[in-house]
Amino acid sequence: LDLALTGGNKTVSITQQGSASHMASINLGGLATGLTLTQSGSTQQFYSITHSCATAGGCGTISVTQGQ
């Protein structure tokens, strides 16, 4: 997965399961964006995020779970 979003008021939910080879590179910019990322399966995982947000009301919630 390689994801780039700009703008705002988005909710992104990503699940990668299976037997390893998980990767994610996520780039978020703009207004509030919520992100939930879950990677499971037999070991290999990678995750990288760049989040650029400047709003008075906050920038959204980011939740990441990796592993079995």
N, C-alpha and C. Protein backbone atom coordinates (compact mmCIF):
# COMPACT_ATOMS: atom_id res chain seq x y z
N LEU A 1 0.85 -1.18 0.00
CA LEU A 1 0.00 0.00 0.00
C LEU A 1 0.89 1.23 0.00
N ASP A 2 0.61 2.15 -0.86
CA ASP A 2 1.24 3.45 -0.86
C ASP A 2 0.11 4.45 -1.05
N LEU A 3 -0.18 5.27 -0.04
CA LEU A 3 -1.36 6.12 -0.05
C LEU A 3 -0.96 7.58 0.16
N ALA A 4 -1.46 8.47 -0.67
CA ALA A 4 -1.24 9.91 -0.51
C ALA A 4 -2.58 10.61 -0.65
N LEU A 5 -2.97 11.36 0.39
CA LEU A 5 -4.22 12.11 0.37
C LEU A 5 -3.97 13.55 0.78
N THR A 6 -4.61 14.48 0.08
CA THR A 6 -4.58 15.87 0.48
C THR A 6 -6.02 16.34 0.62
N GLY A 7 -6.19 17.50 1.18
CA GLY A 7 -7.54 17.96 1.47
C GLY A 7 -7.87 17.58 2.89
N GLY A 8 -9.10 17.36 3.17
CA GLY A 8 -9.42 17.00 4.54
C GLY A 8 -10.77 16.37 4.70
N ASN A 9 -11.13 16.22 5.97
CA ASN A 9 -12.39 15.61 6.36
C ASN A 9 -12.57 14.23 5.74
N LYS A 10 -11.52 13.43 5.83
CA LYS A 10 -11.54 12.07 5.31
C LYS A 10 -11.38 11.09 6.46
N THR A 11 -11.94 9.91 6.31
CA THR A 11 -11.71 8.82 7.23
C THR A 11 -11.20 7.64 6.42
N VAL A 12 -10.02 7.14 6.76
CA VAL A 12 -9.39 6.06 6.02
C VAL A 12 -9.23 4.86 6.95
N SER A 13 -9.67 3.71 6.49
CA SER A 13 -9.53 2.47 7.25
C SER A 13 -8.86 1.43 6.35
N ILE A 14 -7.70 0.92 6.80
CA ILE A 14 -6.91 -0.01 5.99
C ILE A 14 -6.65 -1.27 6.81
N THR A 15 -6.86 -2.43 6.21
CA THR A 15 -6.52 -3.70 6.83
C THR A 15 -5.68 -4.50 5.85
N GLN A 16 -4.52 -4.94 6.28
CA GLN A 16 -3.70 -5.84 5.47
C GLN A 16 -3.50 -7.10 6.30
N GLN A 17 -3.94 -8.22 5.81
CA GLN A 17 -3.81 -9.46 6.56
C GLN A 17 -3.07 -10.49 5.74
N GLY A 18 -2.93 -11.66 6.29
CA GLY A 18 -2.32 -12.71 5.50
C GLY A 18 -1.00 -13.15 6.08
N SER A 19 -0.19 -13.70 5.27
CA SER A 19 1.06 -14.29 5.69
C SER A 19 2.24 -13.40 5.32
N ALA A 20 2.38 -12.33 6.07
CA ALA A 20 3.52 -11.40 5.97
C ALA A 20 3.52 -10.54 4.71
N SER A 21 4.69 -10.01 4.39
CA SER A 21 4.89 -9.05 3.30
C SER A 21 4.02 -7.80 3.45
N HIS A 22 3.75 -7.38 4.66
CA HIS A 22 2.99 -6.17 4.90
C HIS A 22 3.89 -4.96 4.72
N MET A 23 3.39 -3.91 4.18
CA MET A 23 4.10 -2.64 4.08
C MET A 23 3.05 -1.56 3.98
N ALA A 24 3.39 -0.36 4.35
CA ALA A 24 2.49 0.78 4.18
C ALA A 24 3.33 2.04 4.18
N SER A 25 3.05 2.95 3.33
CA SER A 25 3.67 4.26 3.32
C SER A 25 2.53 5.25 3.12
N ILE A 26 2.27 6.08 4.11
CA ILE A 26 1.07 6.91 4.10
C ILE A 26 1.48 8.37 4.23
N ASN A 27 0.91 9.20 3.35
CA ASN A 27 1.20 10.63 3.36
C ASN A 27 -0.13 11.37 3.39
N LEU A 28 -0.39 12.08 4.49
CA LEU A 28 -1.63 12.82 4.66
C LEU A 28 -1.33 14.30 4.75
N GLY A 29 -2.12 15.12 4.08
CA GLY A 29 -1.92 16.57 4.15
C GLY A 29 -3.24 17.29 4.08
N GLY A 30 -3.31 18.42 4.73
CA GLY A 30 -4.52 19.22 4.68
C GLY A 30 -5.26 19.22 5.98
N LEU A 31 -6.57 19.27 5.90
CA LEU A 31 -7.42 19.34 7.09
C LEU A 31 -7.49 17.98 7.79
N ALA A 32 -8.32 17.93 8.78
CA ALA A 32 -8.42 16.73 9.62
C ALA A 32 -8.70 15.46 8.82
N THR A 33 -7.89 14.44 9.07
CA THR A 33 -8.05 13.13 8.44
C THR A 33 -7.86 12.07 9.51
N GLY A 34 -8.80 11.15 9.62
CA GLY A 34 -8.68 10.04 10.56
C GLY A 34 -8.15 8.83 9.84
N LEU A 35 -7.27 8.08 10.50
CA LEU A 35 -6.66 6.91 9.90
C LEU A 35 -6.67 5.75 10.88
N THR A 36 -7.11 4.60 10.41
CA THR A 36 -6.99 3.35 11.15
C THR A 36 -6.28 2.36 10.25
N LEU A 37 -5.12 1.86 10.72
CA LEU A 37 -4.33 0.89 9.95
C LEU A 37 -4.13 -0.36 10.79
N THR A 38 -4.48 -1.50 10.25
CA THR A 38 -4.26 -2.79 10.91
C THR A 38 -3.48 -3.69 9.98
N GLN A 39 -2.37 -4.21 10.45
CA GLN A 39 -1.58 -5.17 9.68
C GLN A 39 -1.43 -6.42 10.55
N SER A 40 -1.71 -7.56 10.02
CA SER A 40 -1.62 -8.81 10.79
C SER A 40 -0.81 -9.83 10.03
N GLY A 41 -0.82 -11.05 10.48
CA GLY A 41 -0.27 -12.16 9.71
C GLY A 41 1.15 -12.47 10.05
N SER A 42 1.75 -13.41 9.63
CA SER A 42 2.95 -14.02 10.20
C SER A 42 4.23 -13.19 10.07
N THR A 43 4.33 -12.17 10.81
CA THR A 43 5.50 -11.35 11.11
C THR A 43 5.75 -10.11 10.27
N GLN A 44 6.36 -10.14 9.10
CA GLN A 44 6.87 -8.93 8.48
C GLN A 44 5.84 -7.81 8.43
N GLN A 45 6.22 -6.66 8.97
CA GLN A 45 5.39 -5.48 8.91
C GLN A 45 6.26 -4.25 8.77
N PHE A 46 5.75 -3.24 8.17
CA PHE A 46 6.45 -1.98 8.00
C PHE A 46 5.39 -0.91 7.95
N TYR A 47 5.72 0.27 8.44
CA TYR A 47 4.74 1.34 8.46
C TYR A 47 5.48 2.66 8.53
N SER A 48 5.12 3.59 7.70
CA SER A 48 5.73 4.91 7.70
C SER A 48 4.63 5.92 7.43
N ILE A 49 4.66 7.04 8.14
CA ILE A 49 3.61 8.04 7.93
C ILE A 49 4.22 9.44 7.93
N THR A 50 3.69 10.28 7.05
CA THR A 50 3.96 11.72 7.07
C THR A 50 2.59 12.38 7.15
N HIS A 51 2.40 13.18 8.19
CA HIS A 51 1.10 13.82 8.40
C HIS A 51 1.32 15.31 8.58
N SER A 52 0.84 16.09 7.65
CA SER A 52 0.98 17.54 7.70
C SER A 52 -0.42 18.14 7.86
N CYS A 53 -0.68 18.72 9.03
CA CYS A 53 -2.02 19.23 9.32
C CYS A 53 -1.90 20.44 10.23
N ALA A 54 -2.64 21.47 9.96
CA ALA A 54 -2.64 22.66 10.81
C ALA A 54 -4.06 23.22 10.88
N THR A 55 -4.81 22.74 11.85
CA THR A 55 -6.17 23.24 12.05
C THR A 55 -6.39 23.55 13.52
N ALA A 56 -7.23 24.51 13.80
CA ALA A 56 -7.52 24.89 15.18
C ALA A 56 -8.26 23.79 15.92
N GLY A 57 -9.06 22.98 15.21
CA GLY A 57 -9.86 21.94 15.84
C GLY A 57 -9.16 20.61 15.99
N GLY A 58 -7.91 20.50 15.64
CA GLY A 58 -7.19 19.23 15.73
C GLY A 58 -7.06 18.57 14.37
N CYS A 59 -6.28 17.51 14.34
CA CYS A 59 -5.91 16.91 13.06
C CYS A 59 -6.43 15.50 12.85
N GLY A 60 -7.34 15.04 13.63
CA GLY A 60 -7.87 13.69 13.45
C GLY A 60 -7.11 12.67 14.27
N THR A 61 -7.64 11.47 14.35
CA THR A 61 -7.06 10.39 15.14
C THR A 61 -6.36 9.41 14.24
N ILE A 62 -5.16 9.00 14.64
CA ILE A 62 -4.41 7.99 13.91
C ILE A 62 -4.22 6.80 14.83
N SER A 63 -4.67 5.64 14.36
CA SER A 63 -4.57 4.41 15.15
C SER A 63 -3.91 3.34 14.31
N VAL A 64 -2.84 2.71 14.84
CA VAL A 64 -2.12 1.69 14.11
C VAL A 64 -1.97 0.44 14.99
N THR A 65 -2.32 -0.71 14.44
CA THR A 65 -2.14 -1.99 15.12
C THR A 65 -1.36 -2.91 14.19
N GLN A 66 -0.27 -3.47 14.70
CA GLN A 66 0.53 -4.38 13.90
C GLN A 66 0.72 -5.67 14.69
N GLY A 67 0.74 -6.79 14.02
CA GLY A 67 0.97 -8.07 14.67
C GLY A 67 -0.26 -8.92 14.71
N GLN A 68 -0.09 -10.10 15.31
CA GLN A 68 -1.19 -11.04 15.36
C GLN A 68 -2.31 -10.59 16.23
